[in-house]
Amino acid sequence: MKIASTMVAAVVLLTAWSTRAEPRRDPLTPPEIDQLRDTAQEPEQRLKLYVKFARARLETVDKARTDPQISDRGQAIHDRLQDFLDLYDELNDNVDTFADRRADLRKVLKTVIEADTEFGARLRALKDQAGSGKESPRDYDLLLTNALETLDSSAQDHRQLLAEQEELAKQKKLLKPDAQQKGR
């Protein structure tokens, strides 16, 4: 009985301690959330919005590096980079969801792949320039490395999915004339 009450107390303490951690804030603004809600069933528009929002967050990273009013540049870059990564992860989740639903993503995947290339170049430039300004790269170096790895892996997945969807489209196109002939 005493062991059980001690364990309950430990669980309560651990729960209280873990909830003290700063809660993750949503990287999306209320108008952005509304835009995404309006495109919930439209893969092309929704994925383009995620690309747009992720691009905007990368621009805030660049601004944080040069803004003279920011006193803790390293932390500011970290926070903005985390927002980018959170949105990019959401983009990937949405790609997976729509692919699982067998949505035709060929057109929008080309946009996503172009964004992957752009984002990768910008993050690599940030890594190359880390510490050249007034920021401390140790504040965001691990997160930047994680973002680059996520981006590289996702870009490969996006290219593979595009190739798979293009192959499926070719097969469907080849099967259509046969089905039309049989219907006559």
C-alpha atoms as a PDB file:
ATOM      1  CA  MET A   1       0.000   0.000   0.000  1.00  0.00           C
ATOM      2  CA  LYS A   2       2.819   2.377   0.906  1.00  0.00           C
ATOM      3  CA  ILE A   3       4.660   1.503  -2.321  1.00  0.00           C
ATOM      4  CA  ALA A   4       1.557   2.262  -4.357  1.00  0.00           C
ATOM      5  CA  SER A   5       1.077   5.677  -2.737  1.00  0.00           C
ATOM      6  CA  THR A   6       4.771   6.458  -3.273  1.00  0.00           C
ATOM      7  CA  MET A   7       4.438   5.524  -6.935  1.00  0.00           C
ATOM      8  CA  VAL A   8       1.330   7.682  -7.310  1.00  0.00           C
ATOM      9  CA  ALA A   9       3.174  10.604  -5.726  1.00  0.00           C
ATOM     10  CA  ALA A  10       6.096  10.081  -8.105  1.00  0.00           C
ATOM     11  CA  VAL A  11       3.776  10.030 -11.109  1.00  0.00           C
ATOM     12  CA  VAL A  12       2.066  13.218  -9.928  1.00  0.00           C
ATOM     13  CA  LEU A  13       5.441  14.934  -9.457  1.00  0.00           C
ATOM     14  CA  LEU A  14       6.689  13.822 -12.855  1.00  0.00           C
ATOM     15  CA  THR A  15       3.471  14.983 -14.494  1.00  0.00           C
ATOM     16  CA  ALA A  16       3.670  18.353 -12.773  1.00  0.00           C
ATOM     17  CA  TRP A  17       7.324  18.726 -13.766  1.00  0.00           C
ATOM     18  CA  SER A  18       6.698  17.778 -17.395  1.00  0.00           C
ATOM     19  CA  THR A  19       3.807  20.224 -17.725  1.00  0.00           C
ATOM     20  CA  ARG A  20       6.069  23.049 -16.552  1.00  0.00           C
ATOM     21  CA  ALA A  21       8.008  22.728 -19.783  1.00  0.00           C
ATOM     22  CA  GLU A  22       7.186  25.497 -22.186  1.00  0.00           C
ATOM     23  CA  PRO A  23       4.293  24.441 -24.396  1.00  0.00           C
ATOM     24  CA  ARG A  24       4.897  24.290 -28.135  1.00  0.00           C
ATOM     25  CA  ARG A  25       3.331  27.226 -29.837  1.00  0.00           C
ATOM     26  CA  ASP A  26       1.593  26.874 -33.148  1.00  0.00           C
ATOM     27  CA  PRO A  27       3.782  28.264 -35.939  1.00  0.00           C
ATOM     28  CA  LEU A  28       0.657  29.182 -37.919  1.00  0.00           C
ATOM     29  CA  THR A  29      -1.213  32.449 -37.573  1.00  0.00           C
ATOM     30  CA  PRO A  30      -5.032  32.403 -37.282  1.00  0.00           C
ATOM     31  CA  PRO A  31      -5.485  33.582 -40.908  1.00  0.00           C
ATOM     32  CA  GLU A  32      -3.130  30.817 -42.095  1.00  0.00           C
ATOM     33  CA  ILE A  33      -5.105  28.260 -40.100  1.00  0.00           C
ATOM     34  CA  ASP A  34      -8.289  29.507 -41.778  1.00  0.00           C
ATOM     35  CA  GLN A  35      -6.706  29.199 -45.217  1.00  0.00           C
ATOM     36  CA  LEU A  36      -5.649  25.630 -44.490  1.00  0.00           C
ATOM     37  CA  ARG A  37      -9.064  24.765 -43.119  1.00  0.00           C
ATOM     38  CA  ASP A  38     -10.655  26.037 -46.330  1.00  0.00           C
ATOM     39  CA  THR A  39      -8.434  23.726 -48.404  1.00  0.00           C
ATOM     40  CA  ALA A  40      -8.718  20.599 -46.258  1.00  0.00           C
ATOM     41  CA  GLN A  41      -9.996  18.480 -49.170  1.00  0.00           C
ATOM     42  CA  GLU A  42      -7.950  20.121 -51.928  1.00  0.00           C
ATOM     43  CA  PRO A  43      -4.452  18.635 -51.995  1.00  0.00           C
ATOM     44  CA  GLU A  44      -2.966  21.005 -54.553  1.00  0.00           C
ATOM     45  CA  GLN A  45      -4.016  24.229 -52.838  1.00  0.00           C
ATOM     46  CA  ARG A  46      -3.284  22.908 -49.350  1.00  0.00           C
ATOM     47  CA  LEU A  47       0.238  21.734 -50.158  1.00  0.00           C
ATOM     48  CA  LYS A  48       1.000  24.991 -51.960  1.00  0.00           C
ATOM     49  CA  LEU A  49      -0.071  26.866 -48.829  1.00  0.00           C
ATOM     50  CA  TYR A  50       2.292  24.792 -46.683  1.00  0.00           C
ATOM     51  CA  VAL A  51       5.135  25.554 -49.097  1.00  0.00           C
ATOM     52  CA  LYS A  52       4.264  29.264 -48.943  1.00  0.00           C
ATOM     53  CA  PHE A  53       4.125  29.276 -45.139  1.00  0.00           C
ATOM     54  CA  ALA A  54       7.386  27.315 -44.776  1.00  0.00           C
ATOM     55  CA  ARG A  55       9.096  29.733 -47.182  1.00  0.00           C
ATOM     56  CA  ALA A  56       7.838  32.669 -45.102  1.00  0.00           C
ATOM     57  CA  ARG A  57       9.290  31.089 -41.943  1.00  0.00           C
ATOM     58  CA  LEU A  58      12.674  30.703 -43.629  1.00  0.00           C
ATOM     59  CA  GLU A  59      12.540  34.394 -44.481  1.00  0.00           C
ATOM     60  CA  THR A  60      12.050  35.157 -40.780  1.00  0.00           C
ATOM     61  CA  VAL A  61      15.207  33.148 -40.062  1.00  0.00           C
ATOM     62  CA  ASP A  62      17.133  35.368 -42.484  1.00  0.00           C
ATOM     63  CA  LYS A  63      15.670  38.499 -40.897  1.00  0.00           C
ATOM     64  CA  ALA A  64      16.603  37.299 -37.415  1.00  0.00           C
ATOM     65  CA  ARG A  65      20.236  37.114 -38.492  1.00  0.00           C
ATOM     66  CA  THR A  66      20.313  40.771 -39.501  1.00  0.00           C
ATOM     67  CA  ASP A  67      17.773  42.500 -37.247  1.00  0.00           C
ATOM     68  CA  PRO A  68      19.698  44.881 -34.950  1.00  0.00           C
ATOM     69  CA  GLN A  69      16.828  44.911 -32.446  1.00  0.00           C
ATOM     70  CA  ILE A  70      17.176  41.200 -31.629  1.00  0.00           C
ATOM     71  CA  SER A  71      19.470  40.751 -28.649  1.00  0.00           C
ATOM     72  CA  ASP A  72      19.656  36.930 -28.557  1.00  0.00           C
ATOM     73  CA  ARG A  73      20.071  36.101 -32.238  1.00  0.00           C
ATOM     74  CA  GLY A  74      20.963  32.470 -31.665  1.00  0.00           C
ATOM     75  CA  GLN A  75      17.732  31.794 -29.776  1.00  0.00           C
ATOM     76  CA  ALA A  76      15.683  33.846 -32.258  1.00  0.00           C
ATOM     77  CA  ILE A  77      17.121  31.851 -35.159  1.00  0.00           C
ATOM     78  CA  HIS A  78      16.443  28.624 -33.267  1.00  0.00           C
ATOM     79  CA  ASP A  79      12.798  29.553 -32.639  1.00  0.00           C
ATOM     80  CA  ARG A  80      12.168  30.599 -36.232  1.00  0.00           C
ATOM     81  CA  LEU A  81      13.949  27.525 -37.544  1.00  0.00           C
ATOM     82  CA  GLN A  82      11.750  25.364 -35.295  1.00  0.00           C
ATOM     83  CA  ASP A  83       8.675  27.049 -36.800  1.00  0.00           C
ATOM     84  CA  PHE A  84       9.964  26.221 -40.290  1.00  0.00           C
ATOM     85  CA  LEU A  85      10.618  22.607 -39.339  1.00  0.00           C
ATOM     86  CA  ASP A  86       7.198  22.232 -37.708  1.00  0.00           C
ATOM     87  CA  LEU A  87       5.513  23.500 -40.883  1.00  0.00           C
ATOM     88  CA  TYR A  88       7.696  21.356 -43.118  1.00  0.00           C
ATOM     89  CA  ASP A  89       6.769  18.307 -41.023  1.00  0.00           C
ATOM     90  CA  GLU A  90       3.086  19.225 -41.485  1.00  0.00           C
ATOM     91  CA  LEU A  91       3.682  19.496 -45.228  1.00  0.00           C
ATOM     92  CA  ASN A  92       5.123  15.987 -45.216  1.00  0.00           C
ATOM     93  CA  ASP A  93       2.250  14.640 -43.136  1.00  0.00           C
ATOM     94  CA  ASN A  94      -0.204  16.126 -45.625  1.00  0.00           C
ATOM     95  CA  VAL A  95       1.674  14.657 -48.601  1.00  0.00           C
ATOM     96  CA  ASP A  96       1.497  11.243 -46.913  1.00  0.00           C
ATOM     97  CA  THR A  97      -2.199  11.624 -46.092  1.00  0.00           C
ATOM     98  CA  PHE A  98      -3.173  12.616 -49.625  1.00  0.00           C
ATOM     99  CA  ALA A  99      -0.952   9.900 -51.130  1.00  0.00           C
ATOM    100  CA  ASP A 100      -2.636   7.314 -48.881  1.00  0.00           C
ATOM    101  CA  ARG A 101      -5.980   8.548 -50.206  1.00  0.00           C
ATOM    102  CA  ARG A 102      -4.693   7.948 -53.744  1.00  0.00           C
ATOM    103  CA  ALA A 103      -4.925  11.625 -54.674  1.00  0.00           C
ATOM    104  CA  ASP A 104      -3.171  12.665 -57.870  1.00  0.00           C
ATOM    105  CA  LEU A 105      -0.303  14.775 -56.562  1.00  0.00           C
ATOM    106  CA  ARG A 106       1.856  14.855 -59.678  1.00  0.00           C
ATOM    107  CA  LYS A 107       1.437  18.549 -60.414  1.00  0.00           C
ATOM    108  CA  VAL A 108       1.811  19.827 -56.853  1.00  0.00           C
ATOM    109  CA  LEU A 109       4.689  17.446 -56.080  1.00  0.00           C
ATOM    110  CA  LYS A 110       6.737  19.281 -58.693  1.00  0.00           C
ATOM    111  CA  THR A 111       6.145  22.485 -56.717  1.00  0.00           C
ATOM    112  CA  VAL A 112       7.040  20.711 -53.472  1.00  0.00           C
ATOM    113  CA  ILE A 113      10.238  19.275 -54.973  1.00  0.00           C
ATOM    114  CA  GLU A 114      11.283  22.723 -56.239  1.00  0.00           C
ATOM    115  CA  ALA A 115      10.672  24.055 -52.722  1.00  0.00           C
ATOM    116  CA  ASP A 116      12.730  21.197 -51.261  1.00  0.00           C
ATOM    117  CA  THR A 117      15.649  22.286 -53.425  1.00  0.00           C
ATOM    118  CA  GLU A 118      15.219  25.945 -52.480  1.00  0.00           C
ATOM    119  CA  PHE A 119      14.843  25.195 -48.770  1.00  0.00           C
ATOM    120  CA  GLY A 120      17.887  22.916 -48.791  1.00  0.00           C
ATOM    121  CA  ALA A 121      20.033  25.573 -50.449  1.00  0.00           C
ATOM    122  CA  ARG A 122      18.910  28.206 -47.945  1.00  0.00           C
ATOM    123  CA  LEU A 123      19.534  25.952 -44.953  1.00  0.00           C
ATOM    124  CA  ARG A 124      22.965  24.939 -46.253  1.00  0.00           C
ATOM    125  CA  ALA A 125      23.828  28.621 -46.716  1.00  0.00           C
ATOM    126  CA  LEU A 126      22.730  29.252 -43.135  1.00  0.00           C
ATOM    127  CA  LYS A 127      24.932  26.395 -41.938  1.00  0.00           C
ATOM    128  CA  ASP A 128      27.905  27.724 -43.927  1.00  0.00           C
ATOM    129  CA  GLN A 129      27.391  31.229 -42.512  1.00  0.00           C
ATOM    130  CA  ALA A 130      26.652  30.113 -38.938  1.00  0.00           C
ATOM    131  CA  GLY A 131      28.643  32.136 -36.469  1.00  0.00           C
ATOM    132  CA  SER A 132      29.780  34.709 -39.005  1.00  0.00           C
ATOM    133  CA  GLY A 133      27.357  37.246 -37.538  1.00  0.00           C
ATOM    134  CA  LYS A 134      26.512  38.119 -33.961  1.00  0.00           C
ATOM    135  CA  GLU A 135      24.598  34.914 -33.270  1.00  0.00           C
ATOM    136  CA  SER A 136      25.847  31.856 -31.450  1.00  0.00           C
ATOM    137  CA  PRO A 137      25.404  28.829 -33.721  1.00  0.00           C
ATOM    138  CA  ARG A 138      25.397  26.458 -30.745  1.00  0.00           C
ATOM    139  CA  ASP A 139      21.858  27.677 -30.021  1.00  0.00           C
ATOM    140  CA  TYR A 140      20.529  26.266 -33.284  1.00  0.00           C
ATOM    141  CA  ASP A 141      23.212  24.011 -34.794  1.00  0.00           C
ATOM    142  CA  LEU A 142      21.573  20.729 -33.742  1.00  0.00           C
ATOM    143  CA  LEU A 143      18.172  21.891 -34.978  1.00  0.00           C
ATOM    144  CA  LEU A 144      19.690  23.060 -38.267  1.00  0.00           C
ATOM    145  CA  THR A 145      21.354  19.684 -38.764  1.00  0.00           C
ATOM    146  CA  ASN A 146      18.040  17.956 -38.020  1.00  0.00           C
ATOM    147  CA  ALA A 147      16.217  20.250 -40.466  1.00  0.00           C
ATOM    148  CA  LEU A 148      18.735  19.487 -43.225  1.00  0.00           C
ATOM    149  CA  GLU A 149      18.463  15.742 -42.638  1.00  0.00           C
ATOM    150  CA  THR A 150      14.660  15.923 -42.635  1.00  0.00           C
ATOM    151  CA  LEU A 151      14.684  17.984 -45.806  1.00  0.00           C
ATOM    152  CA  ASP A 152      17.073  15.655 -47.632  1.00  0.00           C
ATOM    153  CA  SER A 153      15.094  12.563 -46.660  1.00  0.00           C
ATOM    154  CA  SER A 154      11.769  14.166 -47.524  1.00  0.00           C
ATOM    155  CA  ALA A 155      13.002  15.452 -50.881  1.00  0.00           C
ATOM    156  CA  GLN A 156      14.008  11.916 -51.780  1.00  0.00           C
ATOM    157  CA  ASP A 157      10.588  10.630 -50.668  1.00  0.00           C
ATOM    158  CA  HIS A 158       8.819  13.332 -52.689  1.00  0.00           C
ATOM    159  CA  ARG A 159      10.783  12.459 -55.848  1.00  0.00           C
ATOM    160  CA  GLN A 160      10.040   8.766 -55.333  1.00  0.00           C
ATOM    161  CA  LEU A 161       6.327   9.419 -54.826  1.00  0.00           C
ATOM    162  CA  LEU A 162       6.232  11.551 -57.972  1.00  0.00           C
ATOM    163  CA  ALA A 163       7.895   8.770 -59.969  1.00  0.00           C
ATOM    164  CA  GLU A 164       5.416   6.227 -58.582  1.00  0.00           C
ATOM    165  CA  GLN A 165       2.433   8.415 -59.397  1.00  0.00           C
ATOM    166  CA  GLU A 166       3.703   9.104 -62.920  1.00  0.00           C
ATOM    167  CA  GLU A 167       4.146   5.366 -63.480  1.00  0.00           C
ATOM    168  CA  LEU A 168       0.618   4.677 -62.229  1.00  0.00           C
ATOM    169  CA  ALA A 169      -0.756   7.370 -64.538  1.00  0.00           C
ATOM    170  CA  LYS A 170       1.037   5.757 -67.503  1.00  0.00           C
ATOM    171  CA  GLN A 171      -0.394   2.358 -66.614  1.00  0.00           C
ATOM    172  CA  LYS A 172      -3.907   3.774 -66.322  1.00  0.00           C
ATOM    173  CA  LYS A 173      -3.494   5.518 -69.656  1.00  0.00           C
ATOM    174  CA  LEU A 174      -2.367   2.278 -71.303  1.00  0.00           C
ATOM    175  CA  LEU A 175      -5.291   0.354 -69.799  1.00  0.00           C
ATOM    176  CA  LYS A 176      -7.945   2.860 -70.830  1.00  0.00           C
ATOM    177  CA  PRO A 177      -7.927   2.119 -74.583  1.00  0.00           C
ATOM    178  CA  ASP A 178      -8.225  -1.626 -73.889  1.00  0.00           C
ATOM    179  CA  ALA A 179     -11.207  -1.050 -71.626  1.00  0.00           C
ATOM    180  CA  GLN A 180     -12.837   1.167 -74.240  1.00  0.00           C
ATOM    181  CA  GLN A 181     -12.319  -1.473 -76.910  1.00  0.00           C
ATOM    182  CA  LYS A 182     -13.930  -4.154 -74.737  1.00  0.00           C
ATOM    183  CA  GLY A 183     -16.942  -1.907 -74.128  1.00  0.00           C
ATOM    184  CA  ARG A 184     -17.814  -1.781 -77.859  1.00  0.00           C
END
